[in-house]
């Protein structure tokens, strides 16, 4: 491979993988990106809170306390 061909190939490769200025290319709301594993809707949060409340009520009815765990 001649040096000229190598330089041209290297130049094309640099152009292909070049990253633009991040501030100009990223668009969005500006809110942090949350992992889908940790993302919950308000309805899901309410359902979890309700389930925890029912569970704690059931434990109190059975006479169990947090200390008994």
N, C-alpha and C. Protein backbone atom coordinates (compact mmCIF):
# COMPACT_ATOMS: atom_id res chain seq x y z
N UNK A 1 0.86 -1.17 0.00
CA UNK A 1 0.00 0.00 0.00
C UNK A 1 0.91 1.23 0.00
N UNK A 2 0.67 2.10 -0.91
CA UNK A 2 1.50 3.30 -1.01
C UNK A 2 1.11 4.30 0.09
N UNK A 3 2.04 5.17 0.46
CA UNK A 3 1.75 6.15 1.51
C UNK A 3 0.58 7.08 1.16
N UNK A 4 0.43 7.40 -0.10
CA UNK A 4 -0.66 8.27 -0.53
C UNK A 4 -2.02 7.59 -0.33
N UNK A 5 -2.10 6.35 -0.70
CA UNK A 5 -3.34 5.59 -0.53
C UNK A 5 -3.65 5.43 0.95
N UNK A 6 -2.62 5.17 1.74
CA UNK A 6 -2.81 5.01 3.17
C UNK A 6 -3.32 6.30 3.81
N UNK A 7 -2.73 7.45 3.43
CA UNK A 7 -3.19 8.75 3.96
C UNK A 7 -4.63 9.03 3.58
N UNK A 8 -4.98 8.70 2.34
CA UNK A 8 -6.35 8.92 1.88
C UNK A 8 -7.33 8.03 2.65
N UNK A 9 -6.95 6.80 2.85
CA UNK A 9 -7.79 5.87 3.61
C UNK A 9 -7.94 6.34 5.06
N UNK A 10 -6.85 6.79 5.65
CA UNK A 10 -6.88 7.28 7.02
C UNK A 10 -7.75 8.54 7.12
N UNK A 11 -7.66 9.41 6.15
CA UNK A 11 -8.47 10.63 6.13
C UNK A 11 -9.96 10.29 6.04
N UNK A 12 -10.31 9.34 5.17
CA UNK A 12 -11.71 8.94 5.05
C UNK A 12 -12.21 8.32 6.34
N UNK A 13 -11.38 7.53 6.97
CA UNK A 13 -11.75 6.89 8.23
C UNK A 13 -11.98 7.94 9.31
N UNK A 14 -11.10 8.92 9.42
CA UNK A 14 -11.26 10.01 10.39
C UNK A 14 -12.55 10.77 10.16
N UNK A 15 -12.86 11.07 8.90
CA UNK A 15 -14.09 11.79 8.57
C UNK A 15 -15.32 10.98 8.95
N UNK A 16 -15.23 9.69 8.76
CA UNK A 16 -16.38 8.83 9.04
C UNK A 16 -16.68 8.71 10.54
N UNK A 17 -15.63 8.65 11.35
CA UNK A 17 -15.85 8.46 12.79
C UNK A 17 -15.77 9.76 13.58
N UNK A 18 -15.61 10.87 12.90
CA UNK A 18 -15.51 12.16 13.58
C UNK A 18 -16.81 12.47 14.32
N UNK A 19 -16.68 13.04 15.50
CA UNK A 19 -17.84 13.40 16.32
C UNK A 19 -18.03 14.91 16.23
N UNK A 20 -19.26 15.29 15.97
CA UNK A 20 -19.57 16.71 15.92
C UNK A 20 -19.55 17.28 17.33
N UNK A 21 -19.63 18.58 17.43
CA UNK A 21 -19.70 19.23 18.72
C UNK A 21 -20.95 18.74 19.45
N UNK A 22 -20.78 18.21 20.64
CA UNK A 22 -21.88 17.59 21.38
C UNK A 22 -23.03 18.56 21.66
N UNK A 23 -22.73 19.79 21.95
CA UNK A 23 -23.79 20.76 22.25
C UNK A 23 -24.68 21.03 21.05
N UNK A 24 -24.13 20.90 19.86
CA UNK A 24 -24.91 21.17 18.66
C UNK A 24 -25.70 19.95 18.19
N UNK A 25 -25.23 18.75 18.49
CA UNK A 25 -25.88 17.57 17.94
C UNK A 25 -26.89 16.94 18.87
N UNK A 26 -26.82 17.23 20.16
CA UNK A 26 -27.74 16.60 21.12
C UNK A 26 -28.93 17.52 21.35
N UNK A 27 -30.10 16.99 21.10
CA UNK A 27 -31.32 17.73 21.35
C UNK A 27 -32.18 16.92 22.30
N UNK A 28 -32.91 17.60 23.13
CA UNK A 28 -33.79 16.88 24.04
C UNK A 28 -34.31 17.82 25.11
N UNK A 29 -34.99 17.24 26.08
CA UNK A 29 -35.63 18.03 27.12
C UNK A 29 -34.63 18.53 28.16
N UNK A 30 -33.48 17.92 28.22
CA UNK A 30 -32.50 18.30 29.23
C UNK A 30 -32.66 17.51 30.52
N UNK A 31 -33.67 16.66 30.59
CA UNK A 31 -33.88 15.84 31.78
C UNK A 31 -32.92 14.65 31.73
N UNK A 32 -32.53 14.15 32.90
CA UNK A 32 -31.61 13.01 32.90
C UNK A 32 -32.26 11.78 32.29
N UNK A 33 -31.44 10.97 31.67
CA UNK A 33 -31.91 9.73 31.08
C UNK A 33 -31.91 8.68 32.18
N UNK A 34 -33.05 8.04 32.37
CA UNK A 34 -33.20 7.07 33.44
C UNK A 34 -33.25 5.68 32.84
N UNK A 35 -32.57 4.76 33.45
CA UNK A 35 -32.58 3.38 32.99
C UNK A 35 -34.00 2.84 33.01
N UNK A 36 -34.40 2.08 31.99
CA UNK A 36 -35.74 1.50 31.99
C UNK A 36 -36.00 0.61 33.21
N UNK A 37 -34.95 0.06 33.78
CA UNK A 37 -35.12 -0.77 34.97
C UNK A 37 -35.56 0.05 36.16
N UNK A 38 -35.24 1.34 36.17
CA UNK A 38 -35.55 2.19 37.30
C UNK A 38 -36.65 3.21 37.01
N UNK A 39 -37.19 3.17 35.82
CA UNK A 39 -38.22 4.13 35.42
C UNK A 39 -39.59 3.57 35.79
N UNK A 40 -40.36 4.37 36.48
CA UNK A 40 -41.72 3.95 36.84
C UNK A 40 -42.67 5.13 36.60
N UNK A 41 -43.85 4.80 36.16
CA UNK A 41 -44.85 5.85 35.98
C UNK A 41 -45.46 6.19 37.33
N UNK A 42 -46.17 7.29 37.38
CA UNK A 42 -46.83 7.70 38.62
C UNK A 42 -47.85 6.65 39.05
N UNK A 43 -48.54 6.04 38.08
CA UNK A 43 -49.52 5.00 38.41
C UNK A 43 -48.85 3.78 39.02
N UNK A 44 -47.69 3.42 38.50
CA UNK A 44 -46.96 2.28 39.05
C UNK A 44 -46.47 2.58 40.46
N UNK A 45 -46.01 3.81 40.69
CA UNK A 45 -45.57 4.20 42.04
C UNK A 45 -46.73 4.13 43.03
N UNK A 46 -47.92 4.59 42.62
CA UNK A 46 -49.11 4.51 43.49
C UNK A 46 -49.48 3.06 43.78
N UNK A 47 -49.42 2.21 42.76
CA UNK A 47 -49.75 0.79 42.95
C UNK A 47 -48.77 0.14 43.92
N UNK A 48 -47.49 0.48 43.82
CA UNK A 48 -46.51 -0.07 44.76
C UNK A 48 -46.76 0.43 46.17
N UNK A 49 -47.07 1.70 46.30
CA UNK A 49 -47.34 2.25 47.62
C UNK A 49 -48.58 1.59 48.23
N UNK A 50 -49.62 1.39 47.41
CA UNK A 50 -50.84 0.73 47.89
C UNK A 50 -50.54 -0.70 48.32
N UNK A 51 -49.73 -1.40 47.54
CA UNK A 51 -49.39 -2.78 47.87
C UNK A 51 -48.59 -2.84 49.18
N UNK A 52 -47.68 -1.90 49.38
CA UNK A 52 -46.90 -1.86 50.62
C UNK A 52 -47.82 -1.56 51.81
N UNK A 53 -48.78 -0.69 51.59
CA UNK A 53 -49.71 -0.34 52.67
C UNK A 53 -50.57 -1.55 53.05
N UNK A 54 -51.04 -2.28 52.06
CA UNK A 54 -51.84 -3.48 52.32
C UNK A 54 -51.00 -4.52 53.06
N UNK A 55 -49.76 -4.68 52.62
CA UNK A 55 -48.87 -5.64 53.26
C UNK A 55 -48.62 -5.28 54.72
N UNK A 56 -48.37 -4.01 54.98
CA UNK A 56 -48.11 -3.60 56.37
C UNK A 56 -49.38 -3.74 57.22
N UNK A 57 -50.53 -3.46 56.64
CA UNK A 57 -51.79 -3.63 57.36
C UNK A 57 -52.02 -5.10 57.70
N UNK A 58 -51.72 -5.99 56.75
CA UNK A 58 -51.87 -7.43 56.99
C UNK A 58 -50.93 -7.90 58.10
N UNK A 59 -49.71 -7.39 58.10
CA UNK A 59 -48.75 -7.78 59.14
C UNK A 59 -49.21 -7.31 60.51
N UNK A 60 -49.78 -6.11 60.56
CA UNK A 60 -50.27 -5.60 61.85
C UNK A 60 -51.45 -6.43 62.36
N UNK A 61 -52.30 -6.86 61.45
CA UNK A 61 -53.44 -7.70 61.83
C UNK A 61 -52.96 -9.05 62.39
N UNK A 62 -51.86 -9.53 61.83
CA UNK A 62 -51.33 -10.82 62.27
C UNK A 62 -50.47 -10.67 63.54
N UNK A 63 -50.24 -9.43 63.95
CA UNK A 63 -49.47 -9.20 65.16
C UNK A 63 -47.98 -9.11 64.95
N UNK A 64 -47.55 -9.11 63.73
CA UNK A 64 -46.12 -9.02 63.43
C UNK A 64 -45.72 -7.55 63.39
N UNK A 65 -44.54 -7.24 63.88
CA UNK A 65 -44.01 -5.88 63.83
C UNK A 65 -42.72 -5.91 63.03
N UNK A 66 -42.20 -4.74 62.76
CA UNK A 66 -40.93 -4.66 62.04
C UNK A 66 -39.80 -5.31 62.82
N UNK A 67 -39.90 -5.33 64.13
CA UNK A 67 -38.86 -5.92 64.99
C UNK A 67 -38.85 -7.43 64.84
N UNK A 68 -40.01 -8.03 64.57
CA UNK A 68 -40.13 -9.49 64.44
C UNK A 68 -39.47 -10.03 63.17
N UNK A 69 -39.24 -9.20 62.23
CA UNK A 69 -38.66 -9.66 60.97
C UNK A 69 -37.27 -10.18 61.14
